[in-house]
Amino acid sequence: MADENCTQVTQFTFSGLTEHPQLKPILFTLFLGTYMLTIVGNLSLITLIRVSPQLHTPMYFFLSSLSFLDICYSSTTSPKMLLDLSTKSRAISFAGCLTQFYFYAGLSTAEIYLLAAMAYDRYVAISKPLLYNVFMSPGVCMSLVAGSYLAGFLNATVHTSALLCLSFCGPSAINSFYCDGPPLFAVASSDTHLNEVLVFVFVGFNMTSTNLLILTSYTRIVVAVGRMGSAASRRKACSTCASHLATVLIFYASAAFNYVQPTSSNSLGSKKVATIFYTIIVPMLNPMIYSLRNKEVKHALSNFTRRKLCS
């Protein structure tokens, strides 16, 4: 039970990425460039998919949904981090902190469910090509995307509601550059056991269920690829899965590293690198991963450029 004389804090202060003034302009320039690449890269991919009829397939519908999600997801943390790097004040209001946490938790959870839906899409495309348009109809695709957001924001609602039950009497310094559960638990004045249990249960369930779906999908994909007669078909099947697998491995590895460690001052410091990776770097990398080795995207971009030059 928190102290009855507790005066609830009205704002928090982030420790930020660095205390060294010489590093701040370098980090600001680096992460501003990263954020701009994230916005431009994902918006470009969304636009290309919308204007290219040959990309109007379930796979690219999910990819455009992932790009939109990455823009929103990155925007929950990057603008505030950039503002803090460029000013002396690194404060955020209590309401602002909870709002940032709510959207961060909702969008990050939605992303892992969307990645699982994309794995299922690849399984159907490779294992049941004749029934692909039946299994992955526009209605099914929309339902899978909507379900990802629903799961994400139900998860965020649970954790945000639990945070509202905590008392924060000070200190108000958060050892992070954005509002997340573990750093907030570290500065709470009341017992955080329930919150930690909820994180363990919900994060564990979300990670386990989506991992199982992804592993099951790829196990069946491997079996289907092994039954293919031609080497060309096997290469094409593998190439369509490689980008998705790369995204999944990068996102899950860095996210898991952030949450499997115990909440302590030492671990919170070490988690910053992993957090930067999956909140800032991964959303920038996704359009590159899906575009650079994708012949259909390259062909659509070539056609789009040719039409614009000839018009």
C-alpha atoms as a PDB file:
ATOM      1  CA  MET A   1       0.000   0.000   0.000  1.00  0.00           C
ATOM      2  CA  ALA A   2       1.327   3.429  -0.961  1.00  0.00           C
ATOM      3  CA  ASP A   3       1.865   6.124   1.651  1.00  0.00           C
ATOM      4  CA  GLU A   4      -1.388   8.007   2.343  1.00  0.00           C
ATOM      5  CA  ASN A   5       0.602  11.273   2.303  1.00  0.00           C
ATOM      6  CA  CYS A   6       1.863  10.504  -1.197  1.00  0.00           C
ATOM      7  CA  THR A   7       1.749  13.445  -3.583  1.00  0.00           C
ATOM      8  CA  GLN A   8       1.261  12.034  -7.067  1.00  0.00           C
ATOM      9  CA  VAL A   9       3.848  13.275  -9.580  1.00  0.00           C
ATOM     10  CA  THR A  10       2.468  15.342 -12.445  1.00  0.00           C
ATOM     11  CA  GLN A  11       5.330  14.659 -14.844  1.00  0.00           C
ATOM     12  CA  PHE A  12       8.251  12.347 -15.472  1.00  0.00           C
ATOM     13  CA  THR A  13      11.744  13.075 -16.717  1.00  0.00           C
ATOM     14  CA  PHE A  14      13.510  10.733 -19.116  1.00  0.00           C
ATOM     15  CA  SER A  15      17.151   9.829 -18.582  1.00  0.00           C
ATOM     16  CA  GLY A  16      17.420   9.929 -22.377  1.00  0.00           C
ATOM     17  CA  LEU A  17      19.986   8.255 -24.584  1.00  0.00           C
ATOM     18  CA  THR A  18      23.046  10.117 -23.336  1.00  0.00           C
ATOM     19  CA  GLU A  19      24.200  12.725 -20.834  1.00  0.00           C
ATOM     20  CA  HIS A  20      27.102  13.866 -23.035  1.00  0.00           C
ATOM     21  CA  PRO A  21      26.353  17.203 -24.762  1.00  0.00           C
ATOM     22  CA  GLN A  22      28.829  16.423 -27.575  1.00  0.00           C
ATOM     23  CA  LEU A  23      26.931  13.255 -28.526  1.00  0.00           C
ATOM     24  CA  LYS A  24      23.476  14.803 -28.601  1.00  0.00           C
ATOM     25  CA  PRO A  25      23.817  16.602 -31.991  1.00  0.00           C
ATOM     26  CA  ILE A  26      25.271  13.428 -33.527  1.00  0.00           C
ATOM     27  CA  LEU A  27      22.466  11.245 -32.167  1.00  0.00           C
ATOM     28  CA  PHE A  28      19.848  13.829 -33.143  1.00  0.00           C
ATOM     29  CA  THR A  29      21.114  13.887 -36.749  1.00  0.00           C
ATOM     30  CA  LEU A  30      21.369  10.095 -36.878  1.00  0.00           C
ATOM     31  CA  PHE A  31      17.903   9.399 -35.519  1.00  0.00           C
ATOM     32  CA  LEU A  32      16.262  12.254 -37.427  1.00  0.00           C
ATOM     33  CA  GLY A  33      17.622  10.691 -40.620  1.00  0.00           C
ATOM     34  CA  THR A  34      16.402   7.277 -39.484  1.00  0.00           C
ATOM     35  CA  TYR A  35      12.926   8.596 -38.698  1.00  0.00           C
ATOM     36  CA  MET A  36      12.684  10.427 -42.030  1.00  0.00           C
ATOM     37  CA  LEU A  37      13.764   7.266 -43.873  1.00  0.00           C
ATOM     38  CA  THR A  38      11.097   5.345 -41.961  1.00  0.00           C
ATOM     39  CA  ILE A  39       8.348   7.770 -42.994  1.00  0.00           C
ATOM     40  CA  VAL A  40       9.484   8.180 -46.599  1.00  0.00           C
ATOM     41  CA  GLY A  41      10.290   4.488 -47.144  1.00  0.00           C
ATOM     42  CA  ASN A  42       7.019   3.166 -45.737  1.00  0.00           C
ATOM     43  CA  LEU A  43       4.860   5.854 -47.364  1.00  0.00           C
ATOM     44  CA  SER A  44       6.560   5.168 -50.701  1.00  0.00           C
ATOM     45  CA  LEU A  45       5.868   1.452 -50.374  1.00  0.00           C
ATOM     46  CA  ILE A  46       2.204   2.078 -49.482  1.00  0.00           C
ATOM     47  CA  THR A  47       1.824   4.432 -52.461  1.00  0.00           C
ATOM     48  CA  LEU A  48       3.526   2.018 -54.864  1.00  0.00           C
ATOM     49  CA  ILE A  49       1.249  -0.830 -53.764  1.00  0.00           C
ATOM     50  CA  ARG A  50      -1.865   1.315 -54.165  1.00  0.00           C
ATOM     51  CA  VAL A  51      -1.002   2.541 -57.685  1.00  0.00           C
ATOM     52  CA  SER A  52       0.283  -0.800 -59.030  1.00  0.00           C
ATOM     53  CA  PRO A  53      -2.503  -3.245 -60.021  1.00  0.00           C
ATOM     54  CA  GLN A  54      -0.054  -6.173 -60.107  1.00  0.00           C
ATOM     55  CA  LEU A  55       0.543  -5.643 -56.377  1.00  0.00           C
ATOM     56  CA  HIS A  56      -3.142  -5.814 -55.452  1.00  0.00           C
ATOM     57  CA  THR A  57      -2.769  -9.212 -53.770  1.00  0.00           C
ATOM     58  CA  PRO A  58      -3.183 -10.338 -50.138  1.00  0.00           C
ATOM     59  CA  MET A  59       0.591 -10.442 -49.613  1.00  0.00           C
ATOM     60  CA  TYR A  60       0.988  -6.776 -50.540  1.00  0.00           C
ATOM     61  CA  PHE A  61      -2.171  -5.781 -48.699  1.00  0.00           C
ATOM     62  CA  PHE A  62      -0.521  -7.127 -45.536  1.00  0.00           C
ATOM     63  CA  LEU A  63       2.746  -5.439 -46.469  1.00  0.00           C
ATOM     64  CA  SER A  64       1.056  -2.046 -46.893  1.00  0.00           C
ATOM     65  CA  SER A  65      -0.688  -2.607 -43.551  1.00  0.00           C
ATOM     66  CA  LEU A  66       2.692  -3.363 -41.960  1.00  0.00           C
ATOM     67  CA  SER A  67       4.158  -0.185 -43.462  1.00  0.00           C
ATOM     68  CA  PHE A  68       1.293   1.916 -42.087  1.00  0.00           C
ATOM     69  CA  LEU A  69       1.692   0.248 -38.696  1.00  0.00           C
ATOM     70  CA  ASP A  70       5.446   0.922 -38.719  1.00  0.00           C
ATOM     71  CA  ILE A  71       4.858   4.629 -39.398  1.00  0.00           C
ATOM     72  CA  CYS A  72       2.464   4.870 -36.447  1.00  0.00           C
ATOM     73  CA  TYR A  73       4.617   2.677 -34.225  1.00  0.00           C
ATOM     74  CA  SER A  74       7.799   4.661 -34.845  1.00  0.00           C
ATOM     75  CA  SER A  75       5.906   7.923 -34.354  1.00  0.00           C
ATOM     76  CA  THR A  76       4.957   7.001 -30.786  1.00  0.00           C
ATOM     77  CA  THR A  77       8.582   7.298 -29.632  1.00  0.00           C
ATOM     78  CA  SER A  78      10.795   9.017 -32.223  1.00  0.00           C
ATOM     79  CA  PRO A  79       9.391  12.602 -32.195  1.00  0.00           C
ATOM     80  CA  LYS A  80       9.622  12.886 -28.397  1.00  0.00           C
ATOM     81  CA  MET A  81      13.100  11.350 -28.384  1.00  0.00           C
ATOM     82  CA  LEU A  82      14.270  13.835 -31.043  1.00  0.00           C
ATOM     83  CA  LEU A  83      12.748  16.735 -29.104  1.00  0.00           C
ATOM     84  CA  ASP A  84      14.556  15.636 -25.939  1.00  0.00           C
ATOM     85  CA  LEU A  85      17.873  15.392 -27.792  1.00  0.00           C
ATOM     86  CA  SER A  86      17.477  18.951 -29.081  1.00  0.00           C
ATOM     87  CA  THR A  87      16.372  20.611 -25.811  1.00  0.00           C
ATOM     88  CA  LYS A  88      17.509  20.607 -22.192  1.00  0.00           C
ATOM     89  CA  SER A  89      14.113  19.560 -20.857  1.00  0.00           C
ATOM     90  CA  ARG A  90      13.257  15.865 -21.129  1.00  0.00           C
ATOM     91  CA  ALA A  91       9.990  16.038 -19.210  1.00  0.00           C
ATOM     92  CA  ILE A  92       6.693  14.438 -20.146  1.00  0.00           C
ATOM     93  CA  SER A  93       3.384  14.879 -18.341  1.00  0.00           C
ATOM     94  CA  PHE A  94       1.815  11.966 -16.494  1.00  0.00           C
ATOM     95  CA  ALA A  95      -1.095  11.905 -18.960  1.00  0.00           C
ATOM     96  CA  GLY A  96       1.310  12.206 -21.896  1.00  0.00           C
ATOM     97  CA  CYS A  97       3.380   9.309 -20.569  1.00  0.00           C
ATOM     98  CA  LEU A  98       0.372   7.018 -20.223  1.00  0.00           C
ATOM     99  CA  THR A  99      -0.860   8.028 -23.683  1.00  0.00           C
ATOM    100  CA  GLN A 100       2.525   7.238 -25.216  1.00  0.00           C
ATOM    101  CA  PHE A 101       2.615   3.913 -23.373  1.00  0.00           C
ATOM    102  CA  TYR A 102      -0.914   3.007 -24.513  1.00  0.00           C
ATOM    103  CA  PHE A 103      -0.199   3.536 -28.207  1.00  0.00           C
ATOM    104  CA  TYR A 104       3.272   2.003 -27.988  1.00  0.00           C
ATOM    105  CA  ALA A 105       1.924  -1.150 -26.289  1.00  0.00           C
ATOM    106  CA  GLY A 106      -1.050  -1.376 -28.651  1.00  0.00           C
ATOM    107  CA  LEU A 107       0.901  -0.909 -31.875  1.00  0.00           C
ATOM    108  CA  SER A 108       3.834  -3.133 -30.901  1.00  0.00           C
ATOM    109  CA  THR A 109       1.446  -5.968 -30.003  1.00  0.00           C
ATOM    110  CA  ALA A 110      -0.532  -5.414 -33.200  1.00  0.00           C
ATOM    111  CA  GLU A 111       2.715  -5.770 -35.155  1.00  0.00           C
ATOM    112  CA  ILE A 112       3.518  -9.245 -33.837  1.00  0.00           C
ATOM    113  CA  TYR A 113      -0.009 -10.429 -34.668  1.00  0.00           C
ATOM    114  CA  LEU A 114       0.248  -8.906 -38.129  1.00  0.00           C
ATOM    115  CA  LEU A 115       3.568 -10.673 -38.701  1.00  0.00           C
ATOM    116  CA  ALA A 116       1.855 -13.925 -37.700  1.00  0.00           C
ATOM    117  CA  ALA A 117      -0.974 -13.236 -40.162  1.00  0.00           C
ATOM    118  CA  MET A 118       1.622 -12.638 -42.881  1.00  0.00           C
ATOM    119  CA  ALA A 119       3.216 -16.014 -42.095  1.00  0.00           C
ATOM    120  CA  TYR A 120      -0.192 -17.673 -42.481  1.00  0.00           C
ATOM    121  CA  ASP A 121      -0.661 -15.876 -45.799  1.00  0.00           C
ATOM    122  CA  ARG A 122       2.674 -17.257 -47.074  1.00  0.00           C
ATOM    123  CA  TYR A 123       1.677 -20.753 -45.919  1.00  0.00           C
ATOM    124  CA  VAL A 124      -1.605 -20.636 -47.843  1.00  0.00           C
ATOM    125  CA  ALA A 125       0.057 -19.154 -50.949  1.00  0.00           C
ATOM    126  CA  ILE A 126       2.709 -21.878 -51.095  1.00  0.00           C
ATOM    127  CA  SER A 127       0.856 -24.900 -49.721  1.00  0.00           C
ATOM    128  CA  LYS A 128      -2.612 -24.291 -51.208  1.00  0.00           C
ATOM    129  CA  PRO A 129      -2.094 -22.098 -54.299  1.00  0.00           C
ATOM    130  CA  LEU A 130      -5.332 -23.212 -56.025  1.00  0.00           C
ATOM    131  CA  LEU A 131      -7.396 -22.207 -52.984  1.00  0.00           C
ATOM    132  CA  TYR A 132      -5.391 -19.072 -52.178  1.00  0.00           C
ATOM    133  CA  ASN A 133      -8.059 -16.583 -53.285  1.00  0.00           C
ATOM    134  CA  VAL A 134     -10.687 -18.496 -51.314  1.00  0.00           C
ATOM    135  CA  PHE A 135      -8.722 -18.726 -48.062  1.00  0.00           C
ATOM    136  CA  MET A 136      -7.311 -15.214 -48.357  1.00  0.00           C
ATOM    137  CA  SER A 137     -10.344 -13.296 -49.631  1.00  0.00           C
ATOM    138  CA  PRO A 138     -10.484  -9.518 -49.090  1.00  0.00           C
ATOM    139  CA  GLY A 139     -12.835 -10.058 -46.149  1.00  0.00           C
ATOM    140  CA  VAL A 140     -10.463 -12.520 -44.481  1.00  0.00           C
ATOM    141  CA  CYS A 141      -7.492 -10.193 -45.005  1.00  0.00           C
ATOM    142  CA  MET A 142      -9.359  -7.249 -43.508  1.00  0.00           C
ATOM    143  CA  SER A 143     -10.448  -9.400 -40.561  1.00  0.00           C
ATOM    144  CA  LEU A 144      -6.866 -10.518 -39.866  1.00  0.00           C
ATOM    145  CA  VAL A 145      -5.597  -6.922 -39.885  1.00  0.00           C
ATOM    146  CA  ALA A 146      -8.508  -5.706 -37.742  1.00  0.00           C
ATOM    147  CA  GLY A 147      -7.951  -8.624 -35.358  1.00  0.00           C
ATOM    148  CA  SER A 148      -4.285  -7.654 -35.013  1.00  0.00           C
ATOM    149  CA  TYR A 149      -5.242  -4.126 -33.952  1.00  0.00           C
ATOM    150  CA  LEU A 150      -7.961  -5.431 -31.643  1.00  0.00           C
ATOM    151  CA  ALA A 151      -5.518  -7.784 -29.892  1.00  0.00           C
ATOM    152  CA  GLY A 152      -2.966  -4.979 -29.659  1.00  0.00           C
ATOM    153  CA  PHE A 153      -5.226  -2.404 -28.076  1.00  0.00           C
ATOM    154  CA  LEU A 154      -6.939  -4.878 -25.753  1.00  0.00           C
ATOM    155  CA  ASN A 155      -3.458  -5.691 -24.474  1.00  0.00           C
ATOM    156  CA  ALA A 156      -2.639  -1.977 -24.152  1.00  0.00           C
ATOM    157  CA  THR A 157      -5.894  -1.302 -22.286  1.00  0.00           C
ATOM    158  CA  VAL A 158      -5.106  -3.992 -19.687  1.00  0.00           C
ATOM    159  CA  HIS A 159      -1.596  -2.695 -18.992  1.00  0.00           C
ATOM    160  CA  THR A 160      -2.564   0.990 -19.011  1.00  0.00           C
ATOM    161  CA  SER A 161      -5.436   0.319 -16.607  1.00  0.00           C
ATOM    162  CA  ALA A 162      -3.033  -1.513 -14.297  1.00  0.00           C
ATOM    163  CA  LEU A 163      -0.587   1.409 -14.454  1.00  0.00           C
ATOM    164  CA  LEU A 164      -3.355   3.794 -13.376  1.00  0.00           C
ATOM    165  CA  CYS A 165      -3.654   1.782 -10.143  1.00  0.00           C
ATOM    166  CA  LEU A 166      -0.038   2.526  -9.198  1.00  0.00           C
ATOM    167  CA  SER A 167       1.154   5.473  -7.112  1.00  0.00           C
ATOM    168  CA  PHE A 168       4.070   7.602  -8.277  1.00  0.00           C
ATOM    169  CA  CYS A 169       5.338   9.808  -5.447  1.00  0.00           C
ATOM    170  CA  GLY A 170       8.887  10.214  -6.664  1.00  0.00           C
ATOM    171  CA  PRO A 171      11.517   9.973  -7.890  1.00  0.00           C
ATOM    172  CA  SER A 172      10.131  10.907 -11.274  1.00  0.00           C
ATOM    173  CA  ALA A 173      13.227  10.116 -13.390  1.00  0.00           C
ATOM    174  CA  ILE A 174      12.574   7.269 -15.861  1.00  0.00           C
ATOM    175  CA  ASN A 175      15.629   5.323 -16.992  1.00  0.00           C
ATOM    176  CA  SER A 176      14.555   5.283 -20.647  1.00  0.00           C
ATOM    177  CA  PHE A 177      13.799   7.589 -23.568  1.00  0.00           C
ATOM    178  CA  TYR A 178      10.088   6.719 -23.717  1.00  0.00           C
ATOM    179  CA  CYS A 179       7.346   5.400 -21.435  1.00  0.00           C
ATOM    180  CA  ASP A 180       7.315   1.625 -21.123  1.00  0.00           C
ATOM    181  CA  GLY A 181       6.200  -0.754 -18.401  1.00  0.00           C
ATOM    182  CA  PRO A 182       9.471  -1.877 -16.752  1.00  0.00           C
ATOM    183  CA  PRO A 183      10.977   1.638 -16.424  1.00  0.00           C
ATOM    184  CA  LEU A 184       7.700   2.895 -14.932  1.00  0.00           C
ATOM    185  CA  PHE A 185       7.549  -0.009 -12.492  1.00  0.00           C
ATOM    186  CA  ALA A 186      11.033   0.957 -11.290  1.00  0.00           C
ATOM    187  CA  VAL A 187       9.863   4.430 -10.159  1.00  0.00           C
ATOM    188  CA  ALA A 188       6.456   3.420  -8.777  1.00  0.00           C
ATOM    189  CA  SER A 189       5.880   3.946  -5.055  1.00  0.00           C
ATOM    190  CA  SER A 190       3.365   1.118  -4.693  1.00  0.00           C
ATOM    191  CA  ASP A 191       3.633  -2.631  -5.202  1.00  0.00           C
ATOM    192  CA  THR A 192       4.107  -3.535  -8.885  1.00  0.00           C
ATOM    193  CA  HIS A 193       3.764  -7.311  -8.479  1.00  0.00           C
ATOM    194  CA  LEU A 194       0.385  -7.403 -10.259  1.00  0.00           C
ATOM    195  CA  ASN A 195       1.732  -5.306 -13.139  1.00  0.00           C
ATOM    196  CA  GLU A 196       4.744  -7.566 -13.544  1.00  0.00           C
ATOM    197  CA  VAL A 197       2.518 -10.648 -13.515  1.00  0.00           C
ATOM    198  CA  LEU A 198       0.287  -9.084 -16.181  1.00  0.00           C
ATOM    199  CA  VAL A 199       3.328  -8.311 -18.340  1.00  0.00           C
ATOM    200  CA  PHE A 200       4.583 -11.874 -17.916  1.00  0.00           C
ATOM    201  CA  VAL A 201       1.180 -13.405 -18.734  1.00  0.00           C
ATOM    202  CA  PHE A 202       0.110 -11.146 -21.593  1.00  0.00           C
ATOM    203  CA  VAL A 203       3.502 -10.662 -23.240  1.00  0.00           C
ATOM    204  CA  GLY A 204       4.171 -14.372 -22.779  1.00  0.00           C
ATOM    205  CA  PHE A 205       0.822 -15.307 -24.329  1.00  0.00           C
ATOM    206  CA  ASN A 206       1.210 -12.878 -27.235  1.00  0.00           C
ATOM    207  CA  MET A 207       4.748 -13.979 -28.013  1.00  0.00           C
ATOM    208  CA  THR A 208       4.013 -17.692 -27.596  1.00  0.00           C
ATOM    209  CA  SER A 209       0.797 -17.739 -29.637  1.00  0.00           C
ATOM    210  CA  THR A 210       2.205 -15.714 -32.525  1.00  0.00           C
ATOM    211  CA  ASN A 211       5.467 -17.673 -32.471  1.00  0.00           C
ATOM    212  CA  LEU A 212       3.547 -20.941 -32.619  1.00  0.00           C
ATOM    213  CA  LEU A 213       1.517 -19.717 -35.587  1.00  0.00           C
ATOM    214  CA  ILE A 214       4.655 -18.566 -37.390  1.00  0.00           C
ATOM    215  CA  LEU A 215       6.548 -21.796 -36.633  1.00  0.00           C
ATOM    216  CA  THR A 216       3.582 -23.944 -37.683  1.00  0.00           C
ATOM    217  CA  SER A 217       3.176 -21.973 -40.918  1.00  0.00           C
ATOM    218  CA  TYR A 218       6.851 -22.269 -41.809  1.00  0.00           C
ATOM    219  CA  THR A 219       7.013 -25.943 -40.884  1.00  0.00           C
ATOM    220  CA  ARG A 220       4.221 -26.598 -43.375  1.00  0.00           C
ATOM    221  CA  ILE A 221       5.910 -24.326 -45.904  1.00  0.00           C
ATOM    222  CA  VAL A 222       9.131 -26.362 -45.630  1.00  0.00           C
ATOM    223  CA  VAL A 223       7.151 -29.576 -46.219  1.00  0.00           C
ATOM    224  CA  ALA A 224       5.367 -28.033 -49.226  1.00  0.00           C
ATOM    225  CA  VAL A 225       8.623 -26.704 -50.716  1.00  0.00           C
ATOM    226  CA  GLY A 226      10.231 -30.134 -50.324  1.00  0.00           C
ATOM    227  CA  ARG A 227       7.438 -31.627 -52.429  1.00  0.00           C
ATOM    228  CA  MET A 228       7.901 -29.155 -55.286  1.00  0.00           C
ATOM    229  CA  GLY A 229       9.275 -30.715 -58.436  1.00  0.00           C
ATOM    230  CA  SER A 230      11.300 -27.867 -59.932  1.00  0.00           C
ATOM    231  CA  ALA A 231      14.206 -25.956 -58.433  1.00  0.00           C
ATOM    232  CA  ALA A 232      12.783 -22.708 -59.844  1.00  0.00           C
ATOM    233  CA  SER A 233       9.550 -23.167 -57.888  1.00  0.00           C
ATOM    234  CA  ARG A 234      11.489 -23.863 -54.700  1.00  0.00           C
ATOM    235  CA  ARG A 235      13.640 -20.750 -55.182  1.00  0.00           C
ATOM    236  CA  LYS A 236      10.575 -18.581 -55.802  1.00  0.00           C
ATOM    237  CA  ALA A 237       8.839 -19.940 -52.700  1.00  0.00           C
ATOM    238  CA  CYS A 238      11.920 -19.367 -50.555  1.00  0.00           C
ATOM    239  CA  SER A 239      12.438 -15.839 -51.871  1.00  0.00           C
ATOM    240  CA  THR A 240       8.884 -14.809 -50.945  1.00  0.00           C
ATOM    241  CA  CYS A 241       9.459 -16.018 -47.369  1.00  0.00           C
ATOM    242  CA  ALA A 242      12.998 -14.710 -46.835  1.00  0.00           C
ATOM    243  CA  SER A 243      11.976 -11.071 -46.302  1.00  0.00           C
ATOM    244  CA  HIS A 244       9.252 -11.971 -43.821  1.00  0.00           C
ATOM    245  CA  LEU A 245      11.559 -14.292 -41.894  1.00  0.00           C
ATOM    246  CA  ALA A 246      14.237 -11.598 -41.663  1.00  0.00           C
ATOM    247  CA  THR A 247      11.714  -9.101 -40.270  1.00  0.00           C
ATOM    248  CA  VAL A 248      10.349 -11.611 -37.764  1.00  0.00           C
ATOM    249  CA  LEU A 249      13.783 -12.635 -36.498  1.00  0.00           C
ATOM    250  CA  ILE A 250      14.988  -9.040 -36.037  1.00  0.00           C
ATOM    251  CA  PHE A 251      11.791  -7.848 -34.338  1.00  0.00           C
ATOM    252  CA  TYR A 252      11.273 -10.844 -32.064  1.00  0.00           C
ATOM    253  CA  ALA A 253      14.910 -11.140 -31.008  1.00  0.00           C
ATOM    254  CA  SER A 254      15.191  -7.505 -29.934  1.00  0.00           C
ATOM    255  CA  ALA A 255      11.709  -7.414 -28.345  1.00  0.00           C
ATOM    256  CA  ALA A 256      12.295 -10.643 -26.417  1.00  0.00           C
ATOM    257  CA  PHE A 257      15.643  -9.323 -25.127  1.00  0.00           C
ATOM    258  CA  ASN A 258      13.827  -6.271 -23.778  1.00  0.00           C
ATOM    259  CA  TYR A 259      11.235  -8.220 -21.777  1.00  0.00           C
ATOM    260  CA  VAL A 260      12.854 -11.465 -20.634  1.00  0.00           C
ATOM    261  CA  GLN A 261      15.388  -9.698 -18.396  1.00  0.00           C
ATOM    262  CA  PRO A 262      14.431  -8.816 -14.788  1.00  0.00           C
ATOM    263  CA  THR A 263      13.539  -5.232 -13.952  1.00  0.00           C
ATOM    264  CA  SER A 264      16.672  -3.687 -12.405  1.00  0.00           C
ATOM    265  CA  SER A 265      18.705  -0.547 -12.884  1.00  0.00           C
ATOM    266  CA  ASN A 266      21.477  -2.462 -14.636  1.00  0.00           C
ATOM    267  CA  SER A 267      19.201  -4.350 -17.020  1.00  0.00           C
ATOM    268  CA  LEU A 268      17.189  -1.209 -17.830  1.00  0.00           C
ATOM    269  CA  GLY A 269      20.367   0.443 -19.067  1.00  0.00           C
ATOM    270  CA  SER A 270      21.354  -2.533 -21.204  1.00  0.00           C
ATOM    271  CA  LYS A 271      17.877  -2.754 -22.734  1.00  0.00           C
ATOM    272  CA  LYS A 272      18.164   0.649 -24.416  1.00  0.00           C
ATOM    273  CA  VAL A 273      20.126  -0.725 -27.359  1.00  0.00           C
ATOM    274  CA  ALA A 274      17.541  -3.451 -28.019  1.00  0.00           C
ATOM    275  CA  THR A 275      14.727  -0.942 -27.566  1.00  0.00           C
ATOM    276  CA  ILE A 276      16.270   1.478 -30.074  1.00  0.00           C
ATOM    277  CA  PHE A 277      16.600  -1.394 -32.507  1.00  0.00           C
ATOM    278  CA  TYR A 278      12.995  -2.550 -32.542  1.00  0.00           C
ATOM    279  CA  THR A 279      11.288   0.819 -31.994  1.00  0.00           C
ATOM    280  CA  ILE A 280      13.397   2.898 -34.401  1.00  0.00           C
ATOM    281  CA  ILE A 281      15.616   0.763 -36.636  1.00  0.00           C
ATOM    282  CA  VAL A 282      13.229  -2.102 -37.520  1.00  0.00           C
ATOM    283  CA  PRO A 283      10.446   0.186 -38.878  1.00  0.00           C
ATOM    284  CA  MET A 284      13.078   1.785 -41.146  1.00  0.00           C
ATOM    285  CA  LEU A 285      14.466  -1.566 -42.310  1.00  0.00           C
ATOM    286  CA  ASN A 286      11.134  -3.226 -43.175  1.00  0.00           C
ATOM    287  CA  PRO A 287      10.487  -1.433 -46.504  1.00  0.00           C
ATOM    288  CA  MET A 288      14.120  -2.031 -47.501  1.00  0.00           C
ATOM    289  CA  ILE A 289      13.960  -5.726 -46.591  1.00  0.00           C
ATOM    290  CA  TYR A 290      10.750  -6.222 -48.557  1.00  0.00           C
ATOM    291  CA  SER A 291      11.833  -4.140 -51.568  1.00  0.00           C
ATOM    292  CA  LEU A 292      15.489  -4.709 -52.340  1.00  0.00           C
ATOM    293  CA  ARG A 293      15.192  -8.429 -53.140  1.00  0.00           C
ATOM    294  CA  ASN A 294      11.579  -8.434 -54.323  1.00  0.00           C
ATOM    295  CA  LYS A 295      11.320  -8.655 -58.117  1.00  0.00           C
ATOM    296  CA  GLU A 296       7.609  -7.764 -58.161  1.00  0.00           C
ATOM    297  CA  VAL A 297       8.204  -4.558 -56.197  1.00  0.00           C
ATOM    298  CA  LYS A 298      11.176  -3.655 -58.406  1.00  0.00           C
ATOM    299  CA  HIS A 299       9.111  -4.299 -61.539  1.00  0.00           C
ATOM    300  CA  ALA A 300       6.196  -2.227 -60.201  1.00  0.00           C
ATOM    301  CA  LEU A 301       8.573   0.621 -59.321  1.00  0.00           C
ATOM    302  CA  SER A 302      10.112   0.456 -62.792  1.00  0.00           C
ATOM    303  CA  ASN A 303       6.659   0.608 -64.440  1.00  0.00           C
ATOM    304  CA  PHE A 304       5.560   3.457 -62.180  1.00  0.00           C
ATOM    305  CA  THR A 305       8.717   5.465 -62.946  1.00  0.00           C
ATOM    306  CA  ARG A 306       8.316   4.828 -66.670  1.00  0.00           C
ATOM    307  CA  ARG A 307       4.689   5.999 -66.629  1.00  0.00           C
ATOM    308  CA  LYS A 308       5.626   9.187 -64.776  1.00  0.00           C
ATOM    309  CA  LEU A 309       8.471   9.962 -67.193  1.00  0.00           C
ATOM    310  CA  CYS A 310       6.258   9.383 -70.222  1.00  0.00           C
ATOM    311  CA  SER A 311       3.266  11.354 -68.932  1.00  0.00           C
END
